[in-house]
Amino acid sequence: MKANGYLAVDTNAVIAYRQGIPEVCCLIESADTILLPVIVFGELLYGAANSTRPQENEQATRKFLAQSVLVAIDEIIATRYADVRLELKKERPSHTRKRYVEVINASVFS
């Protein structure tokens, strides 16, 4: 989700970026600031360690981190996430991940 030049990414977005998917690459490369939630960073490190090329993948993950702002998940973000997820459960559960990114953006910049 891009807001005011900021883009919060999830694990799937970073993987798609590494795979060179044009739409994702364009979106990430056009962001002024990339927000990388600490949970996403952890998932990427785990995936790297669990892969057939752990050193290469960890290096790529750390390179992506160097171009991003690491965002801690605090009480405010966790509370907003829980509220939004409950709301979405009643509506369309498939939108949960997108709204999670929106929650991070809203929490970081409010």
Protein backbone atom coordinates (compact mmCIF):
# COMPACT_ATOMS: atom_id res chain seq x y z
CA MET A 1 0.00 0.00 0.00
CA LYS A 2 1.51 3.30 -1.06
CA ALA A 3 0.69 6.43 0.88
CA ASN A 4 2.49 9.76 0.56
CA GLY A 5 5.52 8.15 -1.08
CA TYR A 6 5.72 5.44 1.58
CA LEU A 7 5.18 1.80 0.68
CA ALA A 8 4.73 -0.94 3.26
CA VAL A 9 5.54 -4.37 1.88
CA ASP A 10 4.65 -7.88 2.92
CA THR A 11 6.63 -11.07 2.42
CA ASN A 12 4.91 -11.91 -0.86
CA ALA A 13 5.73 -8.48 -2.29
CA VAL A 14 9.43 -8.82 -1.47
CA ILE A 15 9.56 -12.31 -2.99
CA ALA A 16 7.75 -11.08 -6.11
CA TYR A 17 10.22 -8.19 -6.34
CA ARG A 18 13.14 -10.62 -6.13
CA GLN A 19 11.49 -12.70 -8.87
CA GLY A 20 11.34 -9.62 -11.07
CA ILE A 21 7.56 -9.42 -11.46
CA PRO A 22 7.21 -6.15 -13.39
CA GLU A 23 4.17 -4.66 -11.60
CA VAL A 24 5.71 -5.26 -8.19
CA CYS A 25 9.15 -4.00 -9.25
CA CYS A 26 7.61 -0.82 -10.63
CA LEU A 27 5.65 -0.16 -7.46
CA ILE A 28 8.60 -0.81 -5.13
CA GLU A 29 11.07 1.13 -7.25
CA SER A 30 8.74 4.13 -7.43
CA ALA A 31 8.35 4.39 -3.64
CA ASP A 32 10.19 7.16 -1.86
CA THR A 33 10.45 5.04 1.28
CA ILE A 34 9.92 1.31 1.67
CA LEU A 35 8.55 0.18 5.03
CA LEU A 36 9.61 -3.33 6.00
CA PRO A 37 7.71 -4.68 9.03
CA VAL A 38 9.98 -6.58 11.41
CA ILE A 39 7.75 -9.67 11.09
CA VAL A 40 8.22 -9.65 7.32
CA PHE A 41 11.98 -9.33 7.79
CA GLY A 42 11.88 -12.35 10.10
CA GLU A 43 9.85 -14.37 7.60
CA LEU A 44 12.34 -13.51 4.86
CA LEU A 45 15.32 -14.51 7.01
CA TYR A 46 13.62 -17.78 7.90
CA GLY A 47 12.87 -18.46 4.24
CA ALA A 48 16.47 -17.72 3.32
CA ALA A 49 17.84 -20.05 6.01
CA ASN A 50 15.41 -22.77 4.95
CA SER A 51 16.23 -22.47 1.24
CA THR A 52 18.67 -24.33 -1.00
CA ARG A 53 20.74 -21.11 -1.30
CA PRO A 54 20.73 -19.72 2.26
CA GLN A 55 23.71 -17.38 1.96
CA GLU A 56 22.58 -15.85 -1.33
CA ASN A 57 19.02 -15.38 -0.10
CA GLU A 58 20.05 -13.92 3.25
CA GLN A 59 22.36 -11.49 1.46
CA ALA A 60 19.49 -10.42 -0.83
CA THR A 61 17.20 -10.00 2.19
CA ARG A 62 19.74 -7.82 3.99
CA LYS A 63 20.29 -5.77 0.82
CA PHE A 64 16.54 -5.14 0.65
CA LEU A 65 16.57 -4.16 4.34
CA ALA A 66 19.36 -1.66 3.66
CA GLN A 67 17.03 0.10 1.20
CA SER A 68 14.09 0.04 3.62
CA VAL A 69 12.95 1.36 6.97
CA LEU A 70 12.45 -1.47 9.46
CA VAL A 71 9.10 -0.98 11.20
CA ALA A 72 8.57 -2.44 14.66
CA ILE A 73 5.18 -3.84 15.51
CA ASP A 74 4.05 -2.04 18.63
CA GLU A 75 0.89 -2.05 20.71
CA ILE A 76 -0.81 0.58 18.56
CA ILE A 77 -0.19 -1.31 15.33
CA ALA A 78 -1.20 -4.65 16.89
CA THR A 79 -4.44 -3.15 18.23
CA ARG A 80 -5.33 -1.57 14.89
CA TYR A 81 -4.52 -4.81 13.10
CA ALA A 82 -6.83 -6.78 15.41
CA ASP A 83 -9.65 -4.27 14.89
CA VAL A 84 -9.26 -4.26 11.11
CA ARG A 85 -8.96 -8.03 10.88
CA LEU A 86 -12.16 -8.50 12.88
CA GLU A 87 -13.91 -6.00 10.61
CA LEU A 88 -12.68 -7.79 7.51
CA LYS A 89 -13.68 -11.20 8.80
CA LYS A 90 -17.25 -9.95 8.59
CA GLU A 91 -16.67 -8.57 5.08
CA ARG A 92 -14.08 -10.21 2.83
CA PRO A 93 -11.32 -12.17 4.58
CA SER A 94 -9.16 -12.19 1.43
CA HIS A 95 -8.41 -8.48 1.93
CA THR A 96 -6.77 -9.00 5.32
CA ARG A 97 -3.17 -8.82 4.10
CA LYS A 98 -3.74 -5.63 2.10
CA ARG A 99 -5.44 -3.96 5.04
CA TYR A 100 -2.61 -5.09 7.34
CA VAL A 101 -0.25 -3.03 5.21
CA GLU A 102 -2.67 -0.10 5.42
CA VAL A 103 -2.73 -0.46 9.21
CA ILE A 104 1.06 -0.25 9.34
CA ASN A 105 1.05 2.86 7.16
CA ALA A 106 -1.65 4.50 9.24
CA SER A 107 0.06 3.65 12.52
CA VAL A 108 3.52 4.78 11.48
CA PHE A 109 2.34 8.13 10.16
CA SER A 110 -0.40 9.11 12.60
